[in-house]
Amino acid sequence: LRWCSPACSSLAQVLTGLLTQHEALGTAGALPLALGMAEYVFARAVASRAAHGEAHWAEGLNYEVGALSELYAALARATRNASWLTAAALFDRRCFTGPLALAATLHGTGGGGGGGG
């Protein structure tokens, strides 16, 4: 993530603030600005992964990238546009979510968040 760290954390904070401005206050222009920034970050991330390879990308996600996966999932919810989930998946920090999914499977919860294990 040569192009991103440590800027990803700052980008996520700005994008989260814009999304909050849209959702909580209805600020005109906040959502279009957030979407434009999110599209740009996603395009840069795709290009970086293509240029440096999947292994480099996955290793880079082991470090702080500013919760971009959660942000893109929130954009999908806010816009009712599931295509943002592709971006969320790109920034998924498998070093965390992989073991959590495995633990859920081992404990019989299936990862559905319903407990029961």
PDB file of N, CA and C in Angstrom:
ATOM      1  N   LEU A   1       0.831  -1.189   0.000  1.00  0.00           N
ATOM      2  CA  LEU A   1       0.000   0.000   0.000  1.00  0.00           C
ATOM      3  C   LEU A   1       0.871   1.245   0.000  1.00  0.00           C
ATOM      4  N   ARG A   2       1.848   1.256  -0.854  1.00  0.00           N
ATOM      5  CA  ARG A   2       2.801   2.360  -0.890  1.00  0.00           C
ATOM      6  C   ARG A   2       2.113   3.705  -1.045  1.00  0.00           C
ATOM      7  N   TRP A   3       1.055   3.754  -1.779  1.00  0.00           N
ATOM      8  CA  TRP A   3       0.389   5.033  -2.030  1.00  0.00           C
ATOM      9  C   TRP A   3      -0.500   5.445  -0.866  1.00  0.00           C
ATOM     10  N   CYS A   4      -0.797   4.528   0.032  1.00  0.00           N
ATOM     11  CA  CYS A   4      -1.853   4.774   1.006  1.00  0.00           C
ATOM     12  C   CYS A   4      -1.364   4.999   2.434  1.00  0.00           C
ATOM     13  N   SER A   5      -0.626   4.086   2.993  1.00  0.00           N
ATOM     14  CA  SER A   5      -0.221   4.233   4.397  1.00  0.00           C
ATOM     15  C   SER A   5       0.732   5.403   4.516  1.00  0.00           C
ATOM     16  N   PRO A   6       0.606   6.267   5.453  1.00  0.00           N
ATOM     17  CA  PRO A   6      -0.403   6.385   6.505  1.00  0.00           C
ATOM     18  C   PRO A   6      -1.610   7.224   6.112  1.00  0.00           C
ATOM     19  N   ALA A   7      -1.686   7.609   4.854  1.00  0.00           N
ATOM     20  CA  ALA A   7      -2.782   8.481   4.419  1.00  0.00           C
ATOM     21  C   ALA A   7      -4.142   7.826   4.505  1.00  0.00           C
ATOM     22  N   CYS A   8      -4.222   6.505   4.465  1.00  0.00           N
ATOM     23  CA  CYS A   8      -5.521   5.827   4.504  1.00  0.00           C
ATOM     24  C   CYS A   8      -6.304   6.166   5.759  1.00  0.00           C
ATOM     25  N   SER A   9      -5.623   6.260   6.883  1.00  0.00           N
ATOM     26  CA  SER A   9      -6.319   6.601   8.118  1.00  0.00           C
ATOM     27  C   SER A   9      -6.948   7.983   8.017  1.00  0.00           C
ATOM     28  N   SER A  10      -6.209   8.941   7.482  1.00  0.00           N
ATOM     29  CA  SER A  10      -6.748  10.293   7.313  1.00  0.00           C
ATOM     30  C   SER A  10      -7.878  10.313   6.296  1.00  0.00           C
ATOM     31  N   LEU A  11      -7.707   9.574   5.195  1.00  0.00           N
ATOM     32  CA  LEU A  11      -8.770   9.493   4.192  1.00  0.00           C
ATOM     33  C   LEU A  11     -10.044   8.919   4.797  1.00  0.00           C
ATOM     34  N   ALA A  12      -9.899   7.867   5.574  1.00  0.00           N
ATOM     35  CA  ALA A  12     -11.068   7.249   6.197  1.00  0.00           C
ATOM     36  C   ALA A  12     -11.756   8.216   7.140  1.00  0.00           C
ATOM     37  N   GLN A  13     -10.992   8.997   7.874  1.00  0.00           N
ATOM     38  CA  GLN A  13     -11.583   9.964   8.789  1.00  0.00           C
ATOM     39  C   GLN A  13     -12.355  11.043   8.041  1.00  0.00           C
ATOM     40  N   VAL A  14     -11.777  11.541   6.969  1.00  0.00           N
ATOM     41  CA  VAL A  14     -12.472  12.569   6.173  1.00  0.00           C
ATOM     42  C   VAL A  14     -13.733  11.982   5.548  1.00  0.00           C
ATOM     43  N   LEU A  15     -13.621  10.798   4.952  1.00  0.00           N
ATOM     44  CA  LEU A  15     -14.782  10.174   4.317  1.00  0.00           C
ATOM     45  C   LEU A  15     -15.871   9.847   5.340  1.00  0.00           C
ATOM     46  N   THR A  16     -15.478   9.384   6.508  1.00  0.00           N
ATOM     47  CA  THR A  16     -16.453   9.100   7.565  1.00  0.00           C
ATOM     48  C   THR A  16     -17.150  10.381   8.006  1.00  0.00           C
ATOM     49  N   GLY A  17     -16.384  11.462   8.115  1.00  0.00           N
ATOM     50  CA  GLY A  17     -16.980  12.743   8.471  1.00  0.00           C
ATOM     51  C   GLY A  17     -17.980  13.222   7.437  1.00  0.00           C
ATOM     52  N   LEU A  18     -17.634  13.076   6.165  1.00  0.00           N
ATOM     53  CA  LEU A  18     -18.567  13.468   5.100  1.00  0.00           C
ATOM     54  C   LEU A  18     -19.828  12.620   5.123  1.00  0.00           C
ATOM     55  N   LEU A  19     -19.669  11.327   5.341  1.00  0.00           N
ATOM     56  CA  LEU A  19     -20.835  10.442   5.400  1.00  0.00           C
ATOM     57  C   LEU A  19     -21.714  10.800   6.598  1.00  0.00           C
ATOM     58  N   THR A  20     -21.097  11.118   7.713  1.00  0.00           N
ATOM     59  CA  THR A  20     -21.846  11.544   8.897  1.00  0.00           C
ATOM     60  C   THR A  20     -22.572  12.860   8.637  1.00  0.00           C
ATOM     61  N   GLN A  21     -21.908  13.790   7.973  1.00  0.00           N
ATOM     62  CA  GLN A  21     -22.551  15.058   7.615  1.00  0.00           C
ATOM     63  C   GLN A  21     -23.807  14.801   6.774  1.00  0.00           C
ATOM     64  N   HIS A  22     -23.698  13.859   5.849  1.00  0.00           N
ATOM     65  CA  HIS A  22     -24.842  13.518   4.998  1.00  0.00           C
ATOM     66  C   HIS A  22     -25.959  12.867   5.809  1.00  0.00           C
ATOM     67  N   GLU A  23     -25.598  11.840   6.573  1.00  0.00           N
ATOM     68  CA  GLU A  23     -26.621  11.050   7.274  1.00  0.00           C
ATOM     69  C   GLU A  23     -27.248  11.795   8.447  1.00  0.00           C
ATOM     70  N   ALA A  24     -26.437  12.451   9.250  1.00  0.00           N
ATOM     71  CA  ALA A  24     -26.953  13.072  10.471  1.00  0.00           C
ATOM     72  C   ALA A  24     -27.511  14.468  10.253  1.00  0.00           C
ATOM     73  N   LEU A  25     -26.887  15.206   9.332  1.00  0.00           N
ATOM     74  CA  LEU A  25     -27.270  16.608   9.175  1.00  0.00           C
ATOM     75  C   LEU A  25     -27.876  16.948   7.827  1.00  0.00           C
ATOM     76  N   GLY A  26     -27.793  15.995   6.886  1.00  0.00           N
ATOM     77  CA  GLY A  26     -28.327  16.263   5.558  1.00  0.00           C
ATOM     78  C   GLY A  26     -27.568  17.346   4.811  1.00  0.00           C
ATOM     79  N   THR A  27     -26.299  17.492   5.092  1.00  0.00           N
ATOM     80  CA  THR A  27     -25.487  18.534   4.472  1.00  0.00           C
ATOM     81  C   THR A  27     -25.429  18.342   2.957  1.00  0.00           C
ATOM     82  N   ALA A  28     -25.877  19.347   2.236  1.00  0.00           N
ATOM     83  CA  ALA A  28     -25.854  19.292   0.770  1.00  0.00           C
ATOM     84  C   ALA A  28     -24.410  19.192   0.298  1.00  0.00           C
ATOM     85  N   GLY A  29     -24.180  18.318  -0.632  1.00  0.00           N
ATOM     86  CA  GLY A  29     -22.858  18.172  -1.210  1.00  0.00           C
ATOM     87  C   GLY A  29     -21.948  17.200  -0.495  1.00  0.00           C
ATOM     88  N   ALA A  30     -22.279  16.807   0.731  1.00  0.00           N
ATOM     89  CA  ALA A  30     -21.398  15.914   1.488  1.00  0.00           C
ATOM     90  C   ALA A  30     -21.319  14.530   0.843  1.00  0.00           C
ATOM     91  N   LEU A  31     -22.458  13.973   0.471  1.00  0.00           N
ATOM     92  CA  LEU A  31     -22.450  12.624  -0.114  1.00  0.00           C
ATOM     93  C   LEU A  31     -21.778  12.593  -1.485  1.00  0.00           C
ATOM     94  N   PRO A  32     -22.079  13.511  -2.395  1.00  0.00           N
ATOM     95  CA  PRO A  32     -21.366  13.480  -3.673  1.00  0.00           C
ATOM     96  C   PRO A  32     -19.855  13.627  -3.518  1.00  0.00           C
ATOM     97  N   LEU A  33     -19.416  14.468  -2.593  1.00  0.00           N
ATOM     98  CA  LEU A  33     -17.987  14.614  -2.357  1.00  0.00           C
ATOM     99  C   LEU A  33     -17.395  13.319  -1.809  1.00  0.00           C
ATOM    100  N   ALA A  34     -18.088  12.692  -0.857  1.00  0.00           N
ATOM    101  CA  ALA A  34     -17.624  11.421  -0.288  1.00  0.00           C
ATOM    102  C   ALA A  34     -17.552  10.350  -1.366  1.00  0.00           C
ATOM    103  N   LEU A  35     -18.553  10.286  -2.215  1.00  0.00           N
ATOM    104  CA  LEU A  35     -18.564   9.271  -3.278  1.00  0.00           C
ATOM    105  C   LEU A  35     -17.430   9.486  -4.270  1.00  0.00           C
ATOM    106  N   GLY A  36     -17.171  10.733  -4.611  1.00  0.00           N
ATOM    107  CA  GLY A  36     -16.070  11.025  -5.514  1.00  0.00           C
ATOM    108  C   GLY A  36     -14.728  10.637  -4.921  1.00  0.00           C
ATOM    109  N   MET A  37     -14.532  10.972  -3.659  1.00  0.00           N
ATOM    110  CA  MET A  37     -13.291  10.585  -2.984  1.00  0.00           C
ATOM    111  C   MET A  37     -13.181   9.074  -2.878  1.00  0.00           C
ATOM    112  N   ALA A  38     -14.281   8.414  -2.550  1.00  0.00           N
ATOM    113  CA  ALA A  38     -14.275   6.958  -2.401  1.00  0.00           C
ATOM    114  C   ALA A  38     -13.958   6.273  -3.726  1.00  0.00           C
ATOM    115  N   GLU A  39     -14.492   6.789  -4.816  1.00  0.00           N
ATOM    116  CA  GLU A  39     -14.193   6.225  -6.136  1.00  0.00           C
ATOM    117  C   GLU A  39     -12.707   6.373  -6.458  1.00  0.00           C
ATOM    118  N   TYR A  40     -12.144   7.528  -6.138  1.00  0.00           N
ATOM    119  CA  TYR A  40     -10.736   7.775  -6.391  1.00  0.00           C
ATOM    120  C   TYR A  40      -9.847   6.822  -5.576  1.00  0.00           C
ATOM    121  N   VAL A  41     -10.139   6.688  -4.289  1.00  0.00           N
ATOM    122  CA  VAL A  41      -9.353   5.800  -3.425  1.00  0.00           C
ATOM    123  C   VAL A  41      -9.459   4.360  -3.908  1.00  0.00           C
ATOM    124  N   PHE A  42     -10.646   3.933  -4.284  1.00  0.00           N
ATOM    125  CA  PHE A  42     -10.836   2.566  -4.772  1.00  0.00           C
ATOM    126  C   PHE A  42     -10.024   2.335  -6.050  1.00  0.00           C
ATOM    127  N   ALA A  43     -10.087   3.285  -6.975  1.00  0.00           N
ATOM    128  CA  ALA A  43      -9.326   3.145  -8.225  1.00  0.00           C
ATOM    129  C   ALA A  43      -7.829   3.067  -7.952  1.00  0.00           C
ATOM    130  N   ARG A  44      -7.330   3.896  -7.048  1.00  0.00           N
ATOM    131  CA  ARG A  44      -5.902   3.846  -6.690  1.00  0.00           C
ATOM    132  C   ARG A  44      -5.546   2.513  -6.050  1.00  0.00           C
ATOM    133  N   ALA A  45      -6.424   2.001  -5.210  1.00  0.00           N
ATOM    134  CA  ALA A  45      -6.173   0.723  -4.538  1.00  0.00           C
ATOM    135  C   ALA A  45      -6.129  -0.421  -5.542  1.00  0.00           C
ATOM    136  N   VAL A  46      -7.061  -0.433  -6.480  1.00  0.00           N
ATOM    137  CA  VAL A  46      -7.076  -1.467  -7.512  1.00  0.00           C
ATOM    138  C   VAL A  46      -5.792  -1.408  -8.328  1.00  0.00           C
ATOM    139  N   ALA A  47      -5.376  -0.208  -8.689  1.00  0.00           N
ATOM    140  CA  ALA A  47      -4.142  -0.046  -9.465  1.00  0.00           C
ATOM    141  C   ALA A  47      -2.923  -0.487  -8.669  1.00  0.00           C
ATOM    142  N   SER A  48      -2.894  -0.166  -7.390  1.00  0.00           N
ATOM    143  CA  SER A  48      -1.769  -0.563  -6.543  1.00  0.00           C
ATOM    144  C   SER A  48      -1.681  -2.076  -6.418  1.00  0.00           C
ATOM    145  N   ARG A  49      -2.824  -2.710  -6.204  1.00  0.00           N
ATOM    146  CA  ARG A  49      -2.830  -4.176  -6.090  1.00  0.00           C
ATOM    147  C   ARG A  49      -2.380  -4.808  -7.396  1.00  0.00           C
ATOM    148  N   ALA A  50      -2.823  -4.262  -8.511  1.00  0.00           N
ATOM    149  CA  ALA A  50      -2.429  -4.807  -9.818  1.00  0.00           C
ATOM    150  C   ALA A  50      -0.931  -4.618 -10.062  1.00  0.00           C
ATOM    151  N   ALA A  51      -0.393  -3.485  -9.642  1.00  0.00           N
ATOM    152  CA  ALA A  51       1.010  -3.186  -9.889  1.00  0.00           C
ATOM    153  C   ALA A  51       1.956  -3.978  -8.991  1.00  0.00           C
ATOM    154  N   HIS A  52       1.544  -4.240  -7.763  1.00  0.00           N
ATOM    155  CA  HIS A  52       2.453  -4.847  -6.790  1.00  0.00           C
ATOM    156  C   HIS A  52       2.095  -6.280  -6.423  1.00  0.00           C
ATOM    157  N   GLY A  53       0.934  -6.745  -6.845  1.00  0.00           N
ATOM    158  CA  GLY A  53       0.546  -8.127  -6.599  1.00  0.00           C
ATOM    159  C   GLY A  53      -0.312  -8.324  -5.362  1.00  0.00           C
ATOM    160  N   GLU A  54      -1.015  -9.443  -5.374  1.00  0.00           N
ATOM    161  CA  GLU A  54      -1.950  -9.773  -4.289  1.00  0.00           C
ATOM    162  C   GLU A  54      -1.224  -9.963  -2.956  1.00  0.00           C
ATOM    163  N   ALA A  55      -0.058 -10.618  -2.969  1.00  0.00           N
ATOM    164  CA  ALA A  55       0.670 -10.871  -1.717  1.00  0.00           C
ATOM    165  C   ALA A  55       1.079  -9.552  -1.054  1.00  0.00           C
ATOM    166  N   HIS A  56       1.569  -8.621  -1.858  1.00  0.00           N
ATOM    167  CA  HIS A  56       1.949  -7.306  -1.325  1.00  0.00           C
ATOM    168  C   HIS A  56       0.723  -6.599  -0.757  1.00  0.00           C
ATOM    169  N   TRP A  57      -0.376  -6.663  -1.487  1.00  0.00           N
ATOM    170  CA  TRP A  57      -1.614  -6.019  -1.046  1.00  0.00           C
ATOM    171  C   TRP A  57      -2.079  -6.609   0.285  1.00  0.00           C
ATOM    172  N   ALA A  58      -2.128  -7.938   0.362  1.00  0.00           N
ATOM    173  CA  ALA A  58      -2.590  -8.606   1.584  1.00  0.00           C
ATOM    174  C   ALA A  58      -1.685  -8.274   2.762  1.00  0.00           C
ATOM    175  N   GLU A  59      -0.382  -8.255   2.538  1.00  0.00           N
ATOM    176  CA  GLU A  59       0.550  -7.899   3.613  1.00  0.00           C
ATOM    177  C   GLU A  59       0.331  -6.466   4.067  1.00  0.00           C
ATOM    178  N   GLY A  60       0.110  -5.558   3.131  1.00  0.00           N
ATOM    179  CA  GLY A  60      -0.121  -4.158   3.484  1.00  0.00           C
ATOM    180  C   GLY A  60      -1.368  -3.968   4.325  1.00  0.00           C
ATOM    181  N   LEU A  61      -2.370  -4.793   4.109  1.00  0.00           N
ATOM    182  CA  LEU A  61      -3.608  -4.690   4.887  1.00  0.00           C
ATOM    183  C   LEU A  61      -3.423  -5.129   6.334  1.00  0.00           C
ATOM    184  N   ASN A  62      -2.317  -5.797   6.634  1.00  0.00           N
ATOM    185  CA  ASN A  62      -2.048  -6.199   8.016  1.00  0.00           C
ATOM    186  C   ASN A  62      -1.710  -4.999   8.887  1.00  0.00           C
ATOM    187  N   TYR A  63      -1.480  -3.849   8.262  1.00  0.00           N
ATOM    188  CA  TYR A  63      -1.135  -2.640   8.984  1.00  0.00           C
ATOM    189  C   TYR A  63      -2.317  -1.687   8.938  1.00  0.00           C
ATOM    190  N   GLU A  64      -2.241  -0.634   9.665  1.00  0.00           N
ATOM    191  CA  GLU A  64      -3.346   0.317   9.751  1.00  0.00           C
ATOM    192  C   GLU A  64      -3.698   0.904   8.392  1.00  0.00           C
ATOM    193  N   VAL A  65      -4.919   0.723   7.969  1.00  0.00           N
ATOM    194  CA  VAL A  65      -5.397   1.339   6.737  1.00  0.00           C
ATOM    195  C   VAL A  65      -6.660   2.155   6.988  1.00  0.00           C
ATOM    196  N   GLY A  66      -6.963   2.421   8.241  1.00  0.00           N
ATOM    197  CA  GLY A  66      -8.012   3.362   8.557  1.00  0.00           C
ATOM    198  C   GLY A  66      -9.441   2.866   8.439  1.00  0.00           C
ATOM    199  N   ALA A  67      -9.670   1.597   8.571  1.00  0.00           N
ATOM    200  CA  ALA A  67     -11.027   1.034   8.565  1.00  0.00           C
ATOM    201  C   ALA A  67     -11.781   1.349   7.271  1.00  0.00           C
ATOM    202  N   LEU A  68     -11.089   1.301   6.161  1.00  0.00           N
ATOM    203  CA  LEU A  68     -11.730   1.601   4.879  1.00  0.00           C
ATOM    204  C   LEU A  68     -12.774   0.548   4.501  1.00  0.00           C
ATOM    205  N   SER A  69     -12.576  -0.693   4.897  1.00  0.00           N
ATOM    206  CA  SER A  69     -13.572  -1.719   4.584  1.00  0.00           C
ATOM    207  C   SER A  69     -14.927  -1.352   5.193  1.00  0.00           C
ATOM    208  N   GLU A  70     -14.907  -0.952   6.451  1.00  0.00           N
ATOM    209  CA  GLU A  70     -16.146  -0.573   7.128  1.00  0.00           C
ATOM    210  C   GLU A  70     -16.773   0.661   6.487  1.00  0.00           C
ATOM    211  N   LEU A  71     -15.924   1.584   6.067  1.00  0.00           N
ATOM    212  CA  LEU A  71     -16.420   2.798   5.425  1.00  0.00           C
ATOM    213  C   LEU A  71     -17.141   2.477   4.118  1.00  0.00           C
ATOM    214  N   TYR A  72     -16.529   1.620   3.307  1.00  0.00           N
ATOM    215  CA  TYR A  72     -17.172   1.259   2.037  1.00  0.00           C
ATOM    216  C   TYR A  72     -18.467   0.483   2.272  1.00  0.00           C
ATOM    217  N   ALA A  73     -18.516  -0.333   3.302  1.00  0.00           N
ATOM    218  CA  ALA A  73     -19.769  -1.017   3.642  1.00  0.00           C
ATOM    219  C   ALA A  73     -20.833   0.004   4.046  1.00  0.00           C
ATOM    220  N   ALA A  74     -20.423   1.037   4.774  1.00  0.00           N
ATOM    221  CA  ALA A  74     -21.360   2.093   5.158  1.00  0.00           C
ATOM    222  C   ALA A  74     -21.853   2.867   3.937  1.00  0.00           C
ATOM    223  N   LEU A  75     -20.977   3.087   2.959  1.00  0.00           N
ATOM    224  CA  LEU A  75     -21.404   3.745   1.721  1.00  0.00           C
ATOM    225  C   LEU A  75     -22.423   2.891   0.972  1.00  0.00           C
ATOM    226  N   ALA A  76     -22.216   1.579   0.979  1.00  0.00           N
ATOM    227  CA  ALA A  76     -23.180   0.678   0.339  1.00  0.00           C
ATOM    228  C   ALA A  76     -24.546   0.807   1.005  1.00  0.00           C
ATOM    229  N   ARG A  77     -24.541   0.872   2.324  1.00  0.00           N
ATOM    230  CA  ARG A  77     -25.792   1.014   3.062  1.00  0.00           C
ATOM    231  C   ARG A  77     -26.434   2.368   2.789  1.00  0.00           C
ATOM    232  N   ALA A  78     -25.642   3.431   2.842  1.00  0.00           N
ATOM    233  CA  ALA A  78     -26.179   4.785   2.691  1.00  0.00           C
ATOM    234  C   ALA A  78     -26.729   5.047   1.295  1.00  0.00           C
ATOM    235  N   THR A  79     -26.087   4.459   0.292  1.00  0.00           N
ATOM    236  CA  THR A  79     -26.502   4.704  -1.087  1.00  0.00           C
ATOM    237  C   THR A  79     -27.418   3.610  -1.638  1.00  0.00           C
ATOM    238  N   ARG A  80     -27.565   2.543  -0.866  1.00  0.00           N
ATOM    239  CA  ARG A  80     -28.318   1.352  -1.323  1.00  0.00           C
ATOM    240  C   ARG A  80     -27.722   0.830  -2.642  1.00  0.00           C
ATOM    241  N   ASN A  81     -26.387   0.905  -2.719  1.00  0.00           N
ATOM    242  CA  ASN A  81     -25.662   0.477  -3.912  1.00  0.00           C
ATOM    243  C   ASN A  81     -24.659  -0.591  -3.490  1.00  0.00           C
ATOM    244  N   ALA A  82     -24.997  -1.838  -3.763  1.00  0.00           N
ATOM    245  CA  ALA A  82     -24.174  -2.963  -3.325  1.00  0.00           C
ATOM    246  C   ALA A  82     -22.810  -3.014  -4.005  1.00  0.00           C
ATOM    247  N   SER A  83     -22.617  -2.262  -5.077  1.00  0.00           N
ATOM    248  CA  SER A  83     -21.316  -2.301  -5.742  1.00  0.00           C
ATOM    249  C   SER A  83     -20.206  -1.784  -4.833  1.00  0.00           C
ATOM    250  N   TRP A  84     -20.538  -0.964  -3.825  1.00  0.00           N
ATOM    251  CA  TRP A  84     -19.528  -0.501  -2.878  1.00  0.00           C
ATOM    252  C   TRP A  84     -18.978  -1.646  -2.040  1.00  0.00           C
ATOM    253  N   LEU A  85     -19.704  -2.749  -1.971  1.00  0.00           N
ATOM    254  CA  LEU A  85     -19.217  -3.900  -1.206  1.00  0.00           C
ATOM    255  C   LEU A  85     -17.984  -4.519  -1.860  1.00  0.00           C
ATOM    256  N   THR A  86     -17.809  -4.321  -3.158  1.00  0.00           N
ATOM    257  CA  THR A  86     -16.588  -4.770  -3.831  1.00  0.00           C
ATOM    258  C   THR A  86     -15.386  -4.015  -3.267  1.00  0.00           C
ATOM    259  N   ALA A  87     -15.549  -2.727  -3.068  1.00  0.00           N
ATOM    260  CA  ALA A  87     -14.482  -1.927  -2.469  1.00  0.00           C
ATOM    261  C   ALA A  87     -14.265  -2.340  -1.019  1.00  0.00           C
ATOM    262  N   ALA A  88     -15.351  -2.599  -0.301  1.00  0.00           N
ATOM    263  CA  ALA A  88     -15.212  -3.046   1.095  1.00  0.00           C
ATOM    264  C   ALA A  88     -14.408  -4.338   1.157  1.00  0.00           C
ATOM    265  N   ALA A  89     -14.678  -5.252   0.250  1.00  0.00           N
ATOM    266  CA  ALA A  89     -13.952  -6.527   0.235  1.00  0.00           C
ATOM    267  C   ALA A  89     -12.475  -6.319  -0.084  1.00  0.00           C
ATOM    268  N   LEU A  90     -12.170  -5.357  -0.948  1.00  0.00           N
ATOM    269  CA  LEU A  90     -10.780  -5.090  -1.300  1.00  0.00           C
ATOM    270  C   LEU A  90      -9.965  -4.674  -0.072  1.00  0.00           C
ATOM    271  N   PHE A  91     -10.582  -3.925   0.829  1.00  0.00           N
ATOM    272  CA  PHE A  91      -9.894  -3.438   2.022  1.00  0.00           C
ATOM    273  C   PHE A  91     -10.117  -4.324   3.248  1.00  0.00           C
ATOM    274  N   ASP A  92     -10.757  -5.467   3.064  1.00  0.00           N
ATOM    275  CA  ASP A  92     -10.972  -6.385   4.180  1.00  0.00           C
ATOM    276  C   ASP A  92      -9.632  -6.813   4.752  1.00  0.00           C
ATOM    277  N   ARG A  93      -9.469  -6.659   6.037  1.00  0.00           N
ATOM    278  CA  ARG A  93      -8.215  -7.022   6.706  1.00  0.00           C
ATOM    279  C   ARG A  93      -8.301  -8.487   7.127  1.00  0.00           C
ATOM    280  N   ARG A  94      -7.943  -9.352   6.185  1.00  0.00           N
ATOM    281  CA  ARG A  94      -8.073 -10.794   6.406  1.00  0.00           C
ATOM    282  C   ARG A  94      -7.256 -11.299   7.585  1.00  0.00           C
ATOM    283  N   CYS A  95      -6.232 -10.555   7.994  1.00  0.00           N
ATOM    284  CA  CYS A  95      -5.461 -10.963   9.171  1.00  0.00           C
ATOM    285  C   CYS A  95      -6.340 -10.935  10.419  1.00  0.00           C
ATOM    286  N   PHE A  96      -7.438 -10.154  10.392  1.00  0.00           N
ATOM    287  CA  PHE A  96      -8.380 -10.118  11.501  1.00  0.00           C
ATOM    288  C   PHE A  96      -9.643 -10.912  11.199  1.00  0.00           C
ATOM    289  N   THR A  97     -10.227 -10.673  10.036  1.00  0.00           N
ATOM    290  CA  THR A  97     -11.514 -11.300   9.749  1.00  0.00           C
ATOM    291  C   THR A  97     -11.389 -12.798   9.484  1.00  0.00           C
ATOM    292  N   GLY A  98     -10.250 -13.234   8.935  1.00  0.00           N
ATOM    293  CA  GLY A  98     -10.056 -14.673   8.710  1.00  0.00           C
ATOM    294  C   GLY A  98     -10.108 -15.465  10.003  1.00  0.00           C
ATOM    295  N   PRO A  99      -9.290 -15.106  11.017  1.00  0.00           N
ATOM    296  CA  PRO A  99      -9.358 -15.827  12.285  1.00  0.00           C
ATOM    297  C   PRO A  99     -10.719 -15.701  12.980  1.00  0.00           C
ATOM    298  N   LEU A 100     -11.372 -14.548  12.849  1.00  0.00           N
ATOM    299  CA  LEU A 100     -12.697 -14.392  13.462  1.00  0.00           C
ATOM    300  C   LEU A 100     -13.713 -15.324  12.811  1.00  0.00           C
ATOM    301  N   ALA A 101     -13.659 -15.428  11.492  1.00  0.00           N
ATOM    302  CA  ALA A 101     -14.572 -16.337  10.792  1.00  0.00           C
ATOM    303  C   ALA A 101     -14.293 -17.780  11.177  1.00  0.00           C
ATOM    304  N   LEU A 102     -13.023 -18.138  11.290  1.00  0.00           N
ATOM    305  CA  LEU A 102     -12.660 -19.493  11.695  1.00  0.00           C
ATOM    306  C   LEU A 102     -13.158 -19.780  13.106  1.00  0.00           C
ATOM    307  N   ALA A 103     -12.973 -18.830  14.007  1.00  0.00           N
ATOM    308  CA  ALA A 103     -13.436 -19.016  15.385  1.00  0.00           C
ATOM    309  C   ALA A 103     -14.951 -19.187  15.426  1.00  0.00           C
ATOM    310  N   ALA A 104     -15.669 -18.419  14.628  1.00  0.00           N
ATOM    311  CA  ALA A 104     -17.125 -18.541  14.585  1.00  0.00           C
ATOM    312  C   ALA A 104     -17.535 -19.923  14.097  1.00  0.00           C
ATOM    313  N   THR A 105     -16.809 -20.426  13.096  1.00  0.00           N
ATOM    314  CA  THR A 105     -17.102 -21.758  12.573  1.00  0.00           C
ATOM    315  C   THR A 105     -16.820 -22.818  13.627  1.00  0.00           C
ATOM    316  N   LEU A 106     -15.693 -22.690  14.307  1.00  0.00           N
ATOM    317  CA  LEU A 106     -15.298 -23.670  15.320  1.00  0.00           C
ATOM    318  C   LEU A 106     -16.250 -23.677  16.508  1.00  0.00           C
ATOM    319  N   HIS A 107     -16.825 -22.529  16.817  1.00  0.00           N
ATOM    320  CA  HIS A 107     -17.725 -22.422  17.956  1.00  0.00           C
ATOM    321  C   HIS A 107     -19.191 -22.578  17.573  1.00  0.00           C
ATOM    322  N   GLY A 108     -19.427 -22.882  16.316  1.00  0.00           N
ATOM    323  CA  GLY A 108     -20.786 -23.166  15.882  1.00  0.00           C
ATOM    324  C   GLY A 108     -21.682 -21.971  15.717  1.00  0.00           C
ATOM    325  N   THR A 109     -21.121 -20.770  15.709  1.00  0.00           N
ATOM    326  CA  THR A 109     -21.975 -19.600  15.548  1.00  0.00           C
ATOM    327  C   THR A 109     -22.170 -19.249  14.092  1.00  0.00           C
ATOM    328  N   GLY A 110     -21.316 -19.778  13.209  1.00  0.00           N
ATOM    329  CA  GLY A 110     -21.452 -19.532  11.782  1.00  0.00           C
ATOM    330  C   GLY A 110     -21.159 -18.128  11.357  1.00  0.00           C
ATOM    331  N   GLY A 111     -20.685 -17.288  12.285  1.00  0.00           N
ATOM    332  CA  GLY A 111     -20.335 -15.922  11.919  1.00  0.00           C
ATOM    333  C   GLY A 111     -21.518 -15.017  11.703  1.00  0.00           C
ATOM    334  N   GLY A 112     -22.713 -15.486  12.023  1.00  0.00           N
ATOM    335  CA  GLY A 112     -23.912 -14.689  11.805  1.00  0.00           C
ATOM    336  C   GLY A 112     -24.184 -13.671  12.875  1.00  0.00           C
ATOM    337  N   GLY A 113     -23.384 -13.648  13.921  1.00  0.00           N
ATOM    338  CA  GLY A 113     -23.570 -12.664  14.978  1.00  0.00           C
ATOM    339  C   GLY A 113     -24.666 -13.011  15.947  1.00  0.00           C
ATOM    340  N   GLY A 114     -25.259 -14.175  15.821  1.00  0.00           N
ATOM    341  CA  GLY A 114     -26.367 -14.528  16.690  1.00  0.00           C
ATOM    342  C   GLY A 114     -25.965 -15.285  17.934  1.00  0.00           C
ATOM    343  N   GLY A 115     -24.695 -15.488  18.147  1.00  0.00           N
ATOM    344  CA  GLY A 115     -24.263 -16.226  19.327  1.00  0.00           C
ATOM    345  C   GLY A 115     -24.594 -17.699  19.167  1.00  0.00           C
ATOM    346  N   GLY A 116     -24.882 -18.338  20.241  1.00  0.00           N
ATOM    347  CA  GLY A 116     -25.330 -19.720  20.198  1.00  0.00           C
ATOM    348  C   GLY A 116     -24.221 -20.731  20.074  1.00  0.00           C
ATOM    349  N   GLY A 117     -23.103 -20.509  20.703  1.00  0.00           N
ATOM    350  CA  GLY A 117     -22.052 -21.474  20.574  1.00  0.00           C
ATOM    351  C   GLY A 117     -21.544 -21.894  21.821  1.00  0.00           C
TER     352      GLY A 117
END
